[in-house]
C-alpha atoms as a PDB file:
ATOM      1  CA  MET A   1      -2.931  14.123  -1.400  1.00  0.00           C
ATOM      2  CA  LYS A   2      -5.280  17.022  -0.925  1.00  0.00           C
ATOM      3  CA  SER A   3      -8.598  15.209  -1.229  1.00  0.00           C
ATOM      4  CA  SER A   4      -9.924  12.652   1.228  1.00  0.00           C
ATOM      5  CA  THR A   5      -7.816   9.504   1.212  1.00  0.00           C
ATOM      6  CA  ALA A   6      -8.273   5.930   2.350  1.00  0.00           C
ATOM      7  CA  VAL A   7      -5.713   3.392   3.488  1.00  0.00           C
ATOM      8  CA  VAL A   8      -5.581   0.354   1.210  1.00  0.00           C
ATOM      9  CA  TYR A   9      -2.441  -1.333   2.568  1.00  0.00           C
ATOM     10  CA  THR A  10      -0.459  -1.233   5.809  1.00  0.00           C
ATOM     11  CA  THR A  11       2.935  -2.789   6.502  1.00  0.00           C
ATOM     12  CA  PHE A  12       6.006  -2.299   8.665  1.00  0.00           C
ATOM     13  CA  ASN A  13       8.323  -2.705   5.667  1.00  0.00           C
ATOM     14  CA  LEU A  14       8.966   0.317   3.448  1.00  0.00           C
ATOM     15  CA  ALA A  15       9.960  -1.851   0.465  1.00  0.00           C
ATOM     16  CA  ASP A  16       6.604  -3.665   0.613  1.00  0.00           C
ATOM     17  CA  ALA A  17       4.748  -0.350   0.736  1.00  0.00           C
ATOM     18  CA  GLU A  18       6.675   1.029  -2.243  1.00  0.00           C
ATOM     19  CA  LEU A  19       6.028  -2.147  -4.232  1.00  0.00           C
ATOM     20  CA  VAL A  20       2.291  -1.909  -3.570  1.00  0.00           C
ATOM     21  CA  ARG A  21       2.309   1.806  -4.464  1.00  0.00           C
ATOM     22  CA  SER A  22       4.086   1.010  -7.726  1.00  0.00           C
ATOM     23  CA  ARG A  23       1.630  -1.778  -8.601  1.00  0.00           C
ATOM     24  CA  LEU A  24      -1.319   0.521  -7.917  1.00  0.00           C
ATOM     25  CA  GLU A  25       0.159   3.378  -9.953  1.00  0.00           C
ATOM     26  CA  SER A  26       0.868   1.083 -12.897  1.00  0.00           C
ATOM     27  CA  ALA A  27      -2.812   0.123 -12.802  1.00  0.00           C
ATOM     28  CA  GLY A  28      -3.866   3.783 -12.945  1.00  0.00           C
ATOM     29  CA  PHE A  29      -4.533   4.468  -9.258  1.00  0.00           C
ATOM     30  CA  HIS A  30      -3.210   7.604  -7.538  1.00  0.00           C
ATOM     31  CA  ALA A  31      -1.328   5.962  -4.678  1.00  0.00           C
ATOM     32  CA  GLU A  32       0.924   7.533  -2.078  1.00  0.00           C
ATOM     33  CA  VAL A  33       3.033   6.123   0.773  1.00  0.00           C
ATOM     34  CA  LEU A  34       2.564   7.713   4.211  1.00  0.00           C
ATOM     35  CA  ASN A  35       4.738   7.354   7.337  1.00  0.00           C
ATOM     36  CA  GLU A  36       7.663   6.150   5.233  1.00  0.00           C
ATOM     37  CA  THR A  37      10.164   7.793   7.564  1.00  0.00           C
ATOM     38  CA  ALA A  38       8.721   5.722  10.420  1.00  0.00           C
ATOM     39  CA  ALA A  39      10.329   2.645   8.908  1.00  0.00           C
ATOM     40  CA  LEU A  40      13.682   4.385   8.501  1.00  0.00           C
ATOM     41  CA  THR A  41      14.137   5.838  11.988  1.00  0.00           C
ATOM     42  CA  LEU A  42      14.204   4.175  15.383  1.00  0.00           C
ATOM     43  CA  GLU A  43      13.469   0.469  15.542  1.00  0.00           C
ATOM     44  CA  GLY A  44       9.891  -0.066  16.626  1.00  0.00           C
ATOM     45  CA  TYR A  45       8.801   3.452  15.650  1.00  0.00           C
ATOM     46  CA  ALA A  46       6.907   2.167  12.611  1.00  0.00           C
ATOM     47  CA  LEU A  47       4.882  -0.003  14.956  1.00  0.00           C
ATOM     48  CA  ALA A  48       4.138   2.960  17.227  1.00  0.00           C
ATOM     49  CA  ALA A  49       3.187   5.112  14.231  1.00  0.00           C
ATOM     50  CA  GLY A  50       0.739   2.500  12.967  1.00  0.00           C
ATOM     51  CA  GLY A  51       2.982   1.237  10.221  1.00  0.00           C
ATOM     52  CA  VAL A  52       3.742   2.459   6.742  1.00  0.00           C
ATOM     53  CA  ARG A  53       0.496   3.094   4.892  1.00  0.00           C
ATOM     54  CA  VAL A  54      -0.413   3.168   1.227  1.00  0.00           C
ATOM     55  CA  VAL A  55      -3.335   5.481   0.522  1.00  0.00           C
ATOM     56  CA  VAL A  56      -5.425   6.379  -2.505  1.00  0.00           C
ATOM     57  CA  PRO A  57      -8.196   8.933  -2.981  1.00  0.00           C
ATOM     58  CA  ALA A  58     -11.312   7.723  -1.170  1.00  0.00           C
ATOM     59  CA  SER A  59     -13.121   7.490  -4.506  1.00  0.00           C
ATOM     60  CA  GLU A  60     -10.580   4.862  -5.677  1.00  0.00           C
ATOM     61  CA  ALA A  61     -10.312   2.876  -2.435  1.00  0.00           C
ATOM     62  CA  GLU A  62     -12.790   0.093  -3.143  1.00  0.00           C
ATOM     63  CA  ASP A  63     -11.397  -0.566  -6.617  1.00  0.00           C
ATOM     64  CA  ALA A  64      -7.787  -0.383  -5.353  1.00  0.00           C
ATOM     65  CA  LYS A  65      -8.474  -2.907  -2.590  1.00  0.00           C
ATOM     66  CA  GLN A  66     -10.122  -5.246  -5.076  1.00  0.00           C
ATOM     67  CA  PHE A  67      -7.177  -4.828  -7.463  1.00  0.00           C
ATOM     68  CA  LEU A  68      -4.720  -5.780  -4.721  1.00  0.00           C
ATOM     69  CA  LYS A  69      -6.842  -8.763  -3.688  1.00  0.00           C
ATOM     70  CA  ASP A  70      -7.144  -9.998  -7.283  1.00  0.00           C
ATOM     71  CA  ASP A  71      -3.457  -9.350  -7.957  1.00  0.00           C
ATOM     72  CA  GLU A  72      -2.451 -11.336  -4.857  1.00  0.00           C
ATOM     73  CA  ALA A  73      -4.714 -14.230  -5.836  1.00  0.00           C
ATOM     74  CA  GLN A  74      -3.270 -14.263  -9.342  1.00  0.00           C
ATOM     75  CA  SER A  75       0.294 -14.226  -7.976  1.00  0.00           C
ATOM     76  CA  GLY A  76      -0.520 -17.177  -5.746  1.00  0.00           C
ATOM     77  CA  GLN A  77      -1.875 -19.163  -8.678  1.00  0.00           C
ATOM     78  CA  GLN A  78       1.279 -18.478 -10.718  1.00  0.00           C
ATOM     79  CA  GLU A  79       3.483 -19.704  -7.866  1.00  0.00           C
ATOM     80  CA  ASN A  80       1.523 -22.956  -7.668  1.00  0.00           C
ATOM     81  CA  ASN A  81       1.967 -23.673 -11.383  1.00  0.00           C
END
């Protein structure tokens, strides 16, 4: 991404990062996964690299974080029903 970005999710699991990116994109955010190769190379490298990060443009960060928080809360309620 060429503009200023902000991290909205960090994990050590590439599949988790891609799932979050997909959820954000389906909601209209411009998400991107960074450091994805860190999770695919040497064991422990993702930890040293700071994990796999999902970023969005800084202007979308607050809304994206709120979307993920709300989406997680809704998922938790569905599991309890």
